[in-house]
Amino acid sequence: MGASKITKGLTRKLVKHMSESKHEPSWMRDKRLGAYEVLSSSSLPAWGPSLEGLDLDSLVYFIDPEVAEATAWDELPDEITDTFDKLGIPQAEQEYLGGVGAQYDSGMVYHKLKEELAEQGVIFENMDVAVQKYPDMVKEYFMEKCVPIDDHYFVSMHAAAWSGGTFIYIPKGVKLEQPLQAYFRMNRMASGQFEHTLIIADEGSEVTYIEGCSAPRYNASSLHAGCVELFVQKNAKMKYISIENWSHNTYNLNTKRAIVEEGGEINWIGGNMGSGVTMLYPTSVLVGDGAKSDNLGLVFAGKGQVQDTGAKSIHLAPNTTSTIRSKSVSKDGGVANYRGLIRVSDQAPGASASLVCDSLLLDSESEANTFPAVMNKQDDVTISHEATIGKIGDEELFYLESRGLSRDDAVRMIVNGFVEPITKALPLEYAVEFNKLIELELEGGY
């Protein structure tokens, strides 16, 4: 394993080594190698923000923390527990979570599910462990129905190099009252993290999943190219919450997609405060009659950051409904690009879709751009789009300062009001932490 920790660049030999070291079944090894072949003949995206600063050949793609997965925090080395203690993960588990997973670089180091949930048939596992324990279920869903290995350049890379992540299965009719959470920490400089999240909510079930991400700041750039596949079956409800706070030298090139069946609902809530370059567009594919999706997201673009984000809703069945609401805040020359897509097929009569994008500029050097797209093949449809770009004006600041607030406090109040829809949608404990992250960004980052 030691050799894999210092190997730079992604090669066929390394892909085989990863699969062999994890004792994966032949079908997973073949999927990895097939993805590597696709990657070898693919090119970087020709659109979006510049990726010139990302040297893929200098990255370390597989870093084994060399720690056995634990079910108690005190079983882990001090270096790892100190990191997660600072992030508040153990306390969160005790107080309001149904289960917790924690990944450190390429490997899951902690995983635990409350006994009462396990007794109901809930599965909450490290993705690597799930390949061994539930091979038939994983093989049926993993990068087959939702995100195929040839979807785009970084998906192919992910399929070849994925490691760790989360596998969740909620049985038919089971409704979880407490969220499940996974936390991903990328701790080594000039590395890549490729965790895979696969969640299946069976018919009539309900689940809330919370994902947190962070990395320390180094001089060399790092890459995060995870993949999220969500399956919301008939009349099931899933809430997926993601707060990504990667360091400013991280390229966050993540892929997230959900397939929603008849009467099912997917609710996306996302906040992105960190990475220097982000390309992230959560997608809802509504394949069943009456399926619904709601996407609420916020990005914060500070000095040197380009946040290229958005959401997509694909209507493939009658009476489907989607709502996309995006907010962005730009300061100190930061760039926030929004890309929203609504696509309605001729098989989706009665579809309803709404896309709203609001951007707030904190100074004259910053940018906010919108790139909406609507593709409609159905006459019986309701589609709306709205985009606004605003700037904090002298009149607003003067009014608040005349009431005794300092200029910094006035700006903070305006921004907090602007992002309130996001904080209200989060569980209370996470709303508090989210507001702290906003405060840090307003103060100039960390």
Protein backbone atom coordinates (compact mmCIF):
# COMPACT_ATOMS: atom_id res chain seq x y z
CA MET A 1 0.00 0.00 0.00
CA GLY A 2 2.89 2.34 0.71
CA ALA A 3 3.77 2.61 -2.98
CA SER A 4 0.28 3.78 -3.84
CA LYS A 5 0.62 6.67 -1.41
CA ILE A 6 3.41 8.30 -3.38
CA THR A 7 2.44 7.36 -6.94
CA LYS A 8 1.55 10.42 -9.00
CA GLY A 9 -0.73 10.37 -12.02
CA LEU A 10 -3.46 7.92 -12.95
CA THR A 11 -2.30 4.83 -14.81
CA ARG A 12 -3.85 1.50 -15.76
CA LYS A 13 -1.42 -0.17 -13.34
CA LEU A 14 -2.60 2.01 -10.46
CA VAL A 15 -6.26 1.34 -11.31
CA LYS A 16 -5.62 -2.41 -11.19
CA HIS A 17 -3.69 -2.02 -7.95
CA MET A 18 -6.55 -0.14 -6.30
CA SER A 19 -9.04 -2.82 -7.29
CA GLU A 20 -6.76 -5.66 -6.16
CA SER A 21 -5.90 -4.00 -2.84
CA LYS A 22 -9.61 -3.67 -2.10
CA HIS A 23 -10.26 -7.32 -3.11
CA GLU A 24 -13.00 -6.20 -5.47
CA PRO A 25 -15.04 -8.63 -7.59
CA SER A 26 -14.06 -8.92 -11.24
CA TRP A 27 -17.04 -6.88 -12.47
CA MET A 28 -15.90 -3.84 -10.47
CA ARG A 29 -12.31 -4.21 -11.68
CA ASP A 30 -13.57 -4.42 -15.27
CA LYS A 31 -15.75 -1.33 -14.76
CA ARG A 32 -12.74 0.60 -13.47
CA LEU A 33 -10.56 -0.48 -16.38
CA GLY A 34 -13.32 0.27 -18.87
CA ALA A 35 -13.64 3.76 -17.43
CA TYR A 36 -9.89 4.24 -17.67
CA GLU A 37 -10.01 3.37 -21.37
CA VAL A 38 -12.80 5.91 -21.90
CA LEU A 39 -10.78 8.49 -19.98
CA SER A 40 -7.68 7.84 -22.10
CA SER A 41 -9.57 8.83 -25.24
CA SER A 42 -11.44 11.79 -23.70
CA SER A 43 -10.66 15.49 -23.35
CA LEU A 44 -11.09 18.10 -20.66
CA PRO A 45 -14.30 20.17 -20.92
CA ALA A 46 -13.99 22.88 -23.57
CA TRP A 47 -16.42 25.20 -21.76
CA GLY A 48 -16.75 26.69 -18.31
CA PRO A 49 -13.99 28.07 -16.07
CA SER A 50 -10.32 27.57 -16.89
CA LEU A 51 -8.68 24.40 -15.53
CA GLU A 52 -5.16 25.45 -16.54
CA GLY A 53 -3.89 25.40 -12.96
CA LEU A 54 -4.88 21.76 -12.48
CA ASP A 55 -1.91 19.47 -13.19
CA LEU A 56 -3.54 16.04 -13.35
CA ASP A 57 -0.24 14.20 -13.79
CA SER A 58 1.14 15.58 -10.51
CA LEU A 59 -1.79 14.46 -8.37
CA VAL A 60 -1.78 11.48 -6.03
CA TYR A 61 -4.95 9.53 -6.83
CA PHE A 62 -4.99 6.96 -4.04
CA ILE A 63 -3.99 7.60 -0.43
CA ASP A 64 -4.75 4.82 2.00
CA PRO A 65 -4.96 6.22 5.55
CA GLU A 66 -3.80 2.73 6.67
CA VAL A 67 -6.38 2.73 9.44
CA ALA A 68 -8.97 0.01 9.93
CA GLU A 69 -12.53 1.29 9.86
CA ALA A 70 -13.70 1.93 13.41
CA THR A 71 -17.08 2.14 15.16
CA ALA A 72 -15.75 4.20 18.10
CA TRP A 73 -13.88 7.49 17.77
CA ASP A 74 -11.28 6.56 20.42
CA GLU A 75 -10.13 3.66 18.21
CA LEU A 76 -8.69 6.12 15.66
CA PRO A 77 -5.23 7.77 15.71
CA ASP A 78 -4.99 11.18 17.38
CA GLU A 79 -4.22 12.92 14.07
CA ILE A 80 -7.59 11.85 12.69
CA THR A 81 -9.69 12.27 15.84
CA ASP A 82 -8.27 15.76 16.40
CA THR A 83 -9.43 16.75 12.91
CA PHE A 84 -12.96 15.43 13.36
CA ASP A 85 -13.22 16.79 16.91
CA LYS A 86 -12.53 20.29 15.56
CA LEU A 87 -15.29 19.75 13.00
CA GLY A 88 -17.73 18.70 15.72
CA ILE A 89 -18.60 15.34 14.15
CA PRO A 90 -18.58 13.12 17.30
CA GLN A 91 -20.87 15.52 19.18
CA ALA A 92 -23.26 15.73 16.23
CA GLU A 93 -23.49 11.94 16.12
CA GLN A 94 -24.46 11.74 19.80
CA GLU A 95 -27.03 14.51 19.69
CA TYR A 96 -29.05 14.41 16.48
CA LEU A 97 -27.84 11.91 13.88
CA GLY A 98 -29.02 8.40 13.07
CA GLY A 99 -25.65 7.39 11.64
CA VAL A 100 -22.26 8.84 10.76
CA GLY A 101 -19.52 8.01 8.27
CA ALA A 102 -16.16 9.78 8.07
CA GLN A 103 -13.63 9.61 5.25
CA TYR A 104 -10.00 10.73 5.54
CA ASP A 105 -8.31 11.06 2.13
CA SER A 106 -9.09 7.88 0.13
CA GLY A 107 -10.49 5.70 2.91
CA MET A 108 -13.44 5.61 5.26
CA VAL A 109 -12.07 5.53 8.82
CA TYR A 110 -15.32 5.53 10.79
CA HIS A 111 -18.85 4.26 10.23
CA LYS A 112 -21.68 3.68 12.66
CA LEU A 113 -25.47 3.27 12.41
CA LYS A 114 -27.85 3.31 15.36
CA GLU A 115 -28.99 -0.19 16.27
CA GLU A 116 -32.70 0.60 16.00
CA LEU A 117 -32.22 1.67 12.37
CA ALA A 118 -30.25 -1.45 11.52
CA GLU A 119 -33.07 -3.52 13.03
CA GLN A 120 -35.48 -1.89 10.55
CA GLY A 121 -33.30 -3.07 7.67
CA VAL A 122 -31.55 0.25 6.98
CA ILE A 123 -28.14 -0.20 5.36
CA PHE A 124 -25.52 2.52 5.92
CA GLU A 125 -22.07 1.40 4.85
CA ASN A 126 -18.74 2.47 3.56
CA MET A 127 -19.02 2.12 -0.24
CA ASP A 128 -16.00 -0.19 -0.37
CA VAL A 129 -17.60 -2.44 2.26
CA ALA A 130 -20.93 -2.42 0.41
CA VAL A 131 -19.23 -3.82 -2.71
CA GLN A 132 -18.24 -6.84 -0.59
CA LYS A 133 -21.41 -7.26 1.50
CA TYR A 134 -24.10 -6.35 -1.05
CA PRO A 135 -22.51 -7.07 -4.44
CA ASP A 136 -25.73 -7.78 -6.34
CA MET A 137 -27.42 -4.55 -5.24
CA VAL A 138 -24.31 -2.44 -5.85
CA LYS A 139 -23.73 -3.99 -9.27
CA GLU A 140 -27.33 -3.24 -10.30
CA TYR A 141 -27.09 0.48 -9.49
CA PHE A 142 -23.42 1.54 -9.45
CA MET A 143 -22.73 3.82 -12.45
CA GLU A 144 -25.24 1.96 -14.63
CA LYS A 145 -28.66 3.60 -14.50
CA CYS A 146 -27.91 7.09 -13.23
CA VAL A 147 -24.35 8.26 -14.06
CA PRO A 148 -22.71 6.07 -16.74
CA ILE A 149 -18.93 5.84 -16.84
CA ASP A 150 -18.73 7.72 -20.16
CA ASP A 151 -20.89 10.67 -19.04
CA HIS A 152 -18.01 13.17 -19.14
CA TYR A 153 -14.26 13.40 -18.56
CA PHE A 154 -14.29 13.66 -14.78
CA VAL A 155 -16.96 10.98 -14.39
CA SER A 156 -14.70 8.56 -16.29
CA MET A 157 -11.82 9.57 -14.03
CA HIS A 158 -14.00 9.02 -10.99
CA ALA A 159 -15.16 5.59 -12.16
CA ALA A 160 -11.54 4.51 -12.61
CA ALA A 161 -10.21 5.96 -9.35
CA TRP A 162 -13.16 6.01 -6.93
CA SER A 163 -12.43 5.11 -3.32
CA GLY A 164 -14.57 5.25 -0.19
CA GLY A 165 -17.88 7.02 0.04
CA THR A 166 -21.31 6.02 1.27
CA PHE A 167 -23.88 3.34 0.43
CA ILE A 168 -27.39 3.72 1.86
CA TYR A 169 -30.50 1.62 1.39
CA ILE A 170 -33.78 2.57 3.08
CA PRO A 171 -36.29 -0.31 2.99
CA LYS A 172 -39.86 -0.02 1.76
CA GLY A 173 -42.00 2.17 4.00
CA VAL A 174 -39.25 3.03 6.49
CA LYS A 175 -39.19 6.73 7.38
CA LEU A 176 -36.10 8.00 9.17
CA GLU A 177 -36.63 10.83 11.63
CA GLN A 178 -32.90 11.49 12.19
CA PRO A 179 -30.49 12.37 9.38
CA LEU A 180 -27.59 10.23 8.24
CA GLN A 181 -24.33 12.08 7.66
CA ALA A 182 -20.98 11.50 5.99
CA TYR A 183 -18.00 13.81 6.25
CA PHE A 184 -15.19 13.85 3.69
CA ARG A 185 -11.78 15.29 4.57
CA MET A 186 -9.03 15.66 1.98
CA ASN A 187 -5.90 16.11 4.07
CA ARG A 188 -2.92 15.54 1.78
CA MET A 189 -1.65 18.25 -0.58
CA ALA A 190 -1.70 17.76 -4.38
CA SER A 191 -4.13 14.86 -4.13
CA GLY A 192 -7.44 13.74 -5.57
CA GLN A 193 -10.49 12.53 -3.68
CA PHE A 194 -13.08 10.42 -5.50
CA GLU A 195 -15.64 9.22 -2.98
CA HIS A 196 -18.82 7.63 -4.35
CA THR A 197 -22.25 8.13 -2.78
CA LEU A 198 -25.07 5.75 -3.71
CA ILE A 199 -28.45 6.10 -1.95
CA ILE A 200 -31.56 4.04 -2.66
CA ALA A 201 -34.85 5.08 -1.06
CA ASP A 202 -37.28 2.22 -1.62
CA GLU A 203 -41.01 2.68 -2.17
CA GLY A 204 -42.68 4.94 0.39
CA SER A 205 -39.53 5.52 2.43
CA GLU A 206 -38.07 8.81 3.67
CA VAL A 207 -34.48 9.82 4.39
CA THR A 208 -32.37 12.92 4.98
CA TYR A 209 -28.68 12.69 4.15
CA ILE A 210 -26.14 15.37 5.06
CA GLU A 211 -22.72 15.60 3.45
CA GLY A 212 -19.91 17.84 4.65
CA CYS A 213 -16.56 18.40 2.89
CA SER A 214 -13.37 20.27 3.72
CA ALA A 215 -9.63 20.41 3.11
CA PRO A 216 -6.69 22.39 4.55
CA ARG A 217 -4.99 24.99 2.40
CA TYR A 218 -1.70 24.04 0.76
CA ASN A 219 0.46 25.61 -1.96
CA ALA A 220 -0.31 22.89 -4.52
CA SER A 221 -3.72 22.38 -6.13
CA SER A 222 -5.93 19.40 -5.32
CA LEU A 223 -8.91 17.81 -7.06
CA HIS A 224 -12.26 16.67 -5.74
CA ALA A 225 -14.23 14.67 -8.30
CA GLY A 226 -16.80 12.72 -6.33
CA CYS A 227 -20.00 11.23 -7.71
CA VAL A 228 -23.46 11.06 -6.16
CA GLU A 229 -26.18 8.72 -7.47
CA LEU A 230 -29.61 8.98 -5.86
CA PHE A 231 -32.56 6.66 -6.53
CA VAL A 232 -35.94 7.85 -5.26
CA GLN A 233 -38.47 5.12 -5.85
CA LYS A 234 -42.28 5.27 -5.95
CA ASN A 235 -43.72 7.72 -3.39
CA ALA A 236 -40.39 7.97 -1.56
CA LYS A 237 -38.91 11.24 -0.27
CA MET A 238 -35.25 12.11 -0.07
CA LYS A 239 -33.54 15.25 1.19
CA TYR A 240 -29.89 15.62 0.21
CA ILE A 241 -27.97 18.39 2.02
CA SER A 242 -24.40 19.23 1.05
CA ILE A 243 -22.12 21.88 2.56
CA GLU A 244 -18.82 21.99 0.67
CA ASN A 245 -16.03 24.05 2.15
CA TRP A 246 -12.95 22.89 0.26
CA SER A 247 -9.85 25.11 0.46
CA HIS A 248 -9.31 27.77 -2.22
CA ASN A 249 -6.67 25.69 -4.00
CA THR A 250 -9.10 22.83 -4.61
CA TYR A 251 -10.80 22.17 -7.94
CA ASN A 252 -14.27 20.91 -7.06
CA LEU A 253 -15.53 19.05 -10.15
CA ASN A 254 -18.32 16.99 -8.69
CA THR A 255 -21.22 15.10 -10.36
CA LYS A 256 -24.59 14.66 -8.63
CA ARG A 257 -27.73 13.14 -10.13
CA ALA A 258 -31.06 11.71 -8.97
CA ILE A 259 -33.62 9.50 -10.68
CA VAL A 260 -37.11 10.07 -9.29
CA GLU A 261 -39.95 7.61 -9.90
CA GLU A 262 -43.75 7.97 -9.69
CA GLY A 263 -44.85 10.23 -6.83
CA GLY A 264 -41.31 10.50 -5.51
CA GLU A 265 -39.67 13.69 -4.25
CA ILE A 266 -36.05 14.82 -4.21
CA ASN A 267 -35.04 17.91 -2.27
CA TRP A 268 -31.52 19.26 -2.91
CA ILE A 269 -30.02 21.83 -0.51
CA GLY A 270 -26.47 22.92 -1.21
CA GLY A 271 -23.91 25.45 -0.07
CA ASN A 272 -20.49 25.94 -1.65
CA MET A 273 -18.09 28.32 0.07
CA GLY A 274 -14.60 27.07 -0.55
CA SER A 275 -12.94 25.77 -3.69
CA GLY A 276 -11.03 28.02 -6.07
CA VAL A 277 -12.81 26.55 -9.10
CA THR A 278 -16.15 24.75 -8.91
CA MET A 279 -18.18 23.01 -11.62
CA LEU A 280 -21.27 21.49 -10.03
CA TYR A 281 -24.79 21.03 -11.48
CA PRO A 282 -27.04 18.66 -9.46
CA THR A 283 -29.52 17.03 -11.83
CA SER A 284 -33.00 15.62 -11.22
CA VAL A 285 -34.32 13.14 -13.78
CA LEU A 286 -38.08 12.83 -13.27
CA VAL A 287 -39.09 9.51 -14.80
CA GLY A 288 -42.40 8.78 -13.04
CA ASP A 289 -45.85 10.38 -13.15
CA GLY A 290 -46.07 13.14 -10.54
CA ALA A 291 -42.40 13.06 -9.60
CA LYS A 292 -41.07 16.25 -7.98
CA SER A 293 -37.74 17.96 -7.43
CA ASP A 294 -36.72 21.06 -5.55
CA ASN A 295 -33.21 22.51 -5.70
CA LEU A 296 -32.05 25.30 -3.40
CA GLY A 297 -28.42 26.37 -3.59
CA LEU A 298 -26.01 29.08 -2.51
CA VAL A 299 -22.46 29.80 -3.67
CA PHE A 300 -20.02 32.32 -2.27
CA ALA A 301 -17.32 33.56 -4.65
CA GLY A 302 -14.47 35.45 -3.02
CA LYS A 303 -11.06 36.62 -4.19
CA GLY A 304 -9.59 34.30 -6.82
CA GLN A 305 -12.65 32.05 -6.90
CA VAL A 306 -14.76 31.00 -9.87
CA GLN A 307 -17.99 29.29 -8.81
CA ASP A 308 -19.59 27.76 -11.92
CA THR A 309 -22.68 26.08 -10.55
CA GLY A 310 -26.33 25.49 -11.22
CA ALA A 311 -28.94 22.76 -11.49
CA LYS A 312 -30.79 20.73 -14.09
CA SER A 313 -34.28 19.27 -14.16
CA ILE A 314 -35.22 16.70 -16.81
CA HIS A 315 -38.95 16.00 -17.19
CA LEU A 316 -39.62 12.60 -18.79
CA ALA A 317 -43.09 11.81 -17.41
CA PRO A 318 -46.53 13.48 -17.04
CA ASN A 319 -47.40 15.91 -14.26
CA THR A 320 -43.84 16.30 -13.06
CA THR A 321 -42.78 19.39 -11.12
CA SER A 322 -39.39 21.00 -10.61
CA THR A 323 -38.22 24.13 -8.83
CA ILE A 324 -34.70 25.50 -9.05
CA ARG A 325 -33.69 28.39 -6.79
CA SER A 326 -30.12 29.64 -6.82
CA LYS A 327 -28.40 32.39 -4.85
CA SER A 328 -24.86 33.67 -5.20
CA VAL A 329 -22.73 36.21 -3.35
CA SER A 330 -19.58 37.66 -4.95
CA LYS A 331 -16.92 39.82 -3.33
CA ASP A 332 -13.30 40.92 -3.87
CA GLY A 333 -13.39 40.08 -7.58
CA GLY A 334 -14.99 36.65 -7.19
CA VAL A 335 -16.93 35.22 -10.15
CA ALA A 336 -20.27 33.41 -9.78
CA ASN A 337 -21.61 31.75 -12.93
CA TYR A 338 -25.03 30.12 -12.90
CA ARG A 339 -26.06 27.46 -15.41
CA GLY A 340 -29.64 26.25 -15.16
CA LEU A 341 -31.33 23.78 -17.47
CA ILE A 342 -34.98 22.79 -17.78
CA ARG A 343 -35.72 20.07 -20.31
CA VAL A 344 -39.25 18.82 -20.95
CA SER A 345 -39.79 15.85 -23.26
CA ASP A 346 -42.86 15.17 -25.39
CA GLN A 347 -43.74 12.44 -22.86
CA ALA A 348 -44.30 14.99 -20.07
CA PRO A 349 -47.72 16.66 -20.49
CA GLY A 350 -48.76 18.73 -17.49
CA ALA A 351 -45.17 19.41 -16.46
CA SER A 352 -44.39 22.50 -14.42
CA ALA A 353 -40.91 23.99 -14.02
CA SER A 354 -39.55 27.13 -12.40
CA LEU A 355 -36.02 28.53 -12.35
CA VAL A 356 -35.03 31.56 -10.25
CA CYS A 357 -31.51 32.91 -9.92
CA ASP A 358 -30.59 35.78 -7.58
CA SER A 359 -27.08 37.23 -7.40
CA LEU A 360 -25.64 39.75 -4.95
CA LEU A 361 -22.48 41.74 -5.71
CA LEU A 362 -20.61 43.23 -2.77
CA ASP A 363 -18.27 45.40 -4.85
CA SER A 364 -17.64 46.63 -8.38
CA GLU A 365 -14.80 44.17 -9.09
CA SER A 366 -16.92 41.03 -8.69
CA GLU A 367 -19.00 39.23 -11.34
CA ALA A 368 -22.26 37.35 -11.57
CA ASN A 369 -23.36 35.71 -14.83
CA THR A 370 -26.37 33.55 -15.70
CA PHE A 371 -26.66 31.01 -18.50
CA PRO A 372 -30.23 29.67 -18.44
CA ALA A 373 -31.40 27.07 -20.94
CA VAL A 374 -34.90 25.75 -21.68
CA MET A 375 -35.51 22.81 -24.00
CA ASN A 376 -39.21 22.05 -24.39
CA LYS A 377 -41.03 19.56 -26.64
CA GLN A 378 -44.41 19.71 -24.91
CA ASP A 379 -47.31 22.16 -25.44
CA ASP A 380 -49.09 21.33 -22.18
CA VAL A 381 -46.45 22.77 -19.87
CA THR A 382 -45.79 25.68 -17.52
CA ILE A 383 -42.23 27.04 -17.46
CA SER A 384 -40.93 30.20 -15.82
CA HIS A 385 -37.48 31.74 -15.51
CA GLU A 386 -36.29 34.74 -13.54
CA ALA A 387 -32.82 36.14 -12.90
CA THR A 388 -31.82 39.17 -10.84
CA ILE A 389 -28.43 40.71 -10.11
CA GLY A 390 -28.25 43.23 -7.29
CA LYS A 391 -25.59 45.27 -5.58
CA ILE A 392 -25.41 46.64 -2.07
CA GLY A 393 -25.96 50.35 -2.57
CA ASP A 394 -24.82 53.38 -0.60
CA GLU A 395 -28.41 54.21 0.37
CA GLU A 396 -28.95 50.84 2.06
CA LEU A 397 -25.65 51.10 3.90
CA PHE A 398 -26.34 54.69 4.96
CA TYR A 399 -29.75 53.71 6.32
CA LEU A 400 -28.32 50.89 8.45
CA GLU A 401 -25.33 52.94 9.59
CA SER A 402 -27.69 55.72 10.66
CA ARG A 403 -29.31 53.14 12.94
CA GLY A 404 -26.00 52.59 14.75
CA LEU A 405 -24.51 49.70 12.77
CA SER A 406 -20.94 49.72 11.53
CA ARG A 407 -20.43 49.31 7.79
CA ASP A 408 -19.20 45.73 8.25
CA ASP A 409 -22.22 44.88 10.40
CA ALA A 410 -24.53 46.46 7.83
CA VAL A 411 -23.06 44.37 5.02
CA ARG A 412 -23.29 41.27 7.20
CA MET A 413 -26.96 41.93 7.94
CA ILE A 414 -27.81 42.38 4.26
CA VAL A 415 -25.98 39.19 3.27
CA ASN A 416 -27.61 37.19 6.09
CA GLY A 417 -31.02 38.33 4.90
CA PHE A 418 -30.14 37.37 1.33
CA VAL A 419 -29.08 33.82 2.28
CA GLU A 420 -31.88 33.28 4.83
CA PRO A 421 -33.85 30.85 2.58
CA ILE A 422 -30.85 28.50 2.71
CA THR A 423 -30.33 28.68 6.47
CA LYS A 424 -34.06 28.18 7.10
CA ALA A 425 -33.98 24.99 5.02
CA LEU A 426 -31.13 23.48 7.08
CA PRO A 427 -31.48 21.62 10.37
CA LEU A 428 -30.83 24.08 13.21
CA GLU A 429 -27.39 22.75 14.13
CA TYR A 430 -26.20 23.02 10.53
CA ALA A 431 -27.73 26.45 10.02
CA VAL A 432 -25.55 27.74 12.86
CA GLU A 433 -22.40 26.29 11.29
CA PHE A 434 -23.43 27.55 7.86
CA ASN A 435 -23.77 31.08 9.18
CA LYS A 436 -20.28 30.81 10.70
CA LEU A 437 -18.88 29.86 7.29
CA ILE A 438 -20.57 32.89 5.73
CA GLU A 439 -19.02 35.08 8.43
CA LEU A 440 -15.56 33.70 7.63
CA GLU A 441 -16.00 34.38 3.92
CA LEU A 442 -17.15 37.95 4.60
CA GLU A 443 -14.04 38.43 6.70
CA GLY A 444 -11.84 37.29 3.82
CA GLY A 445 -11.76 33.50 4.10
CA TYR A 446 -9.75 31.31 6.39
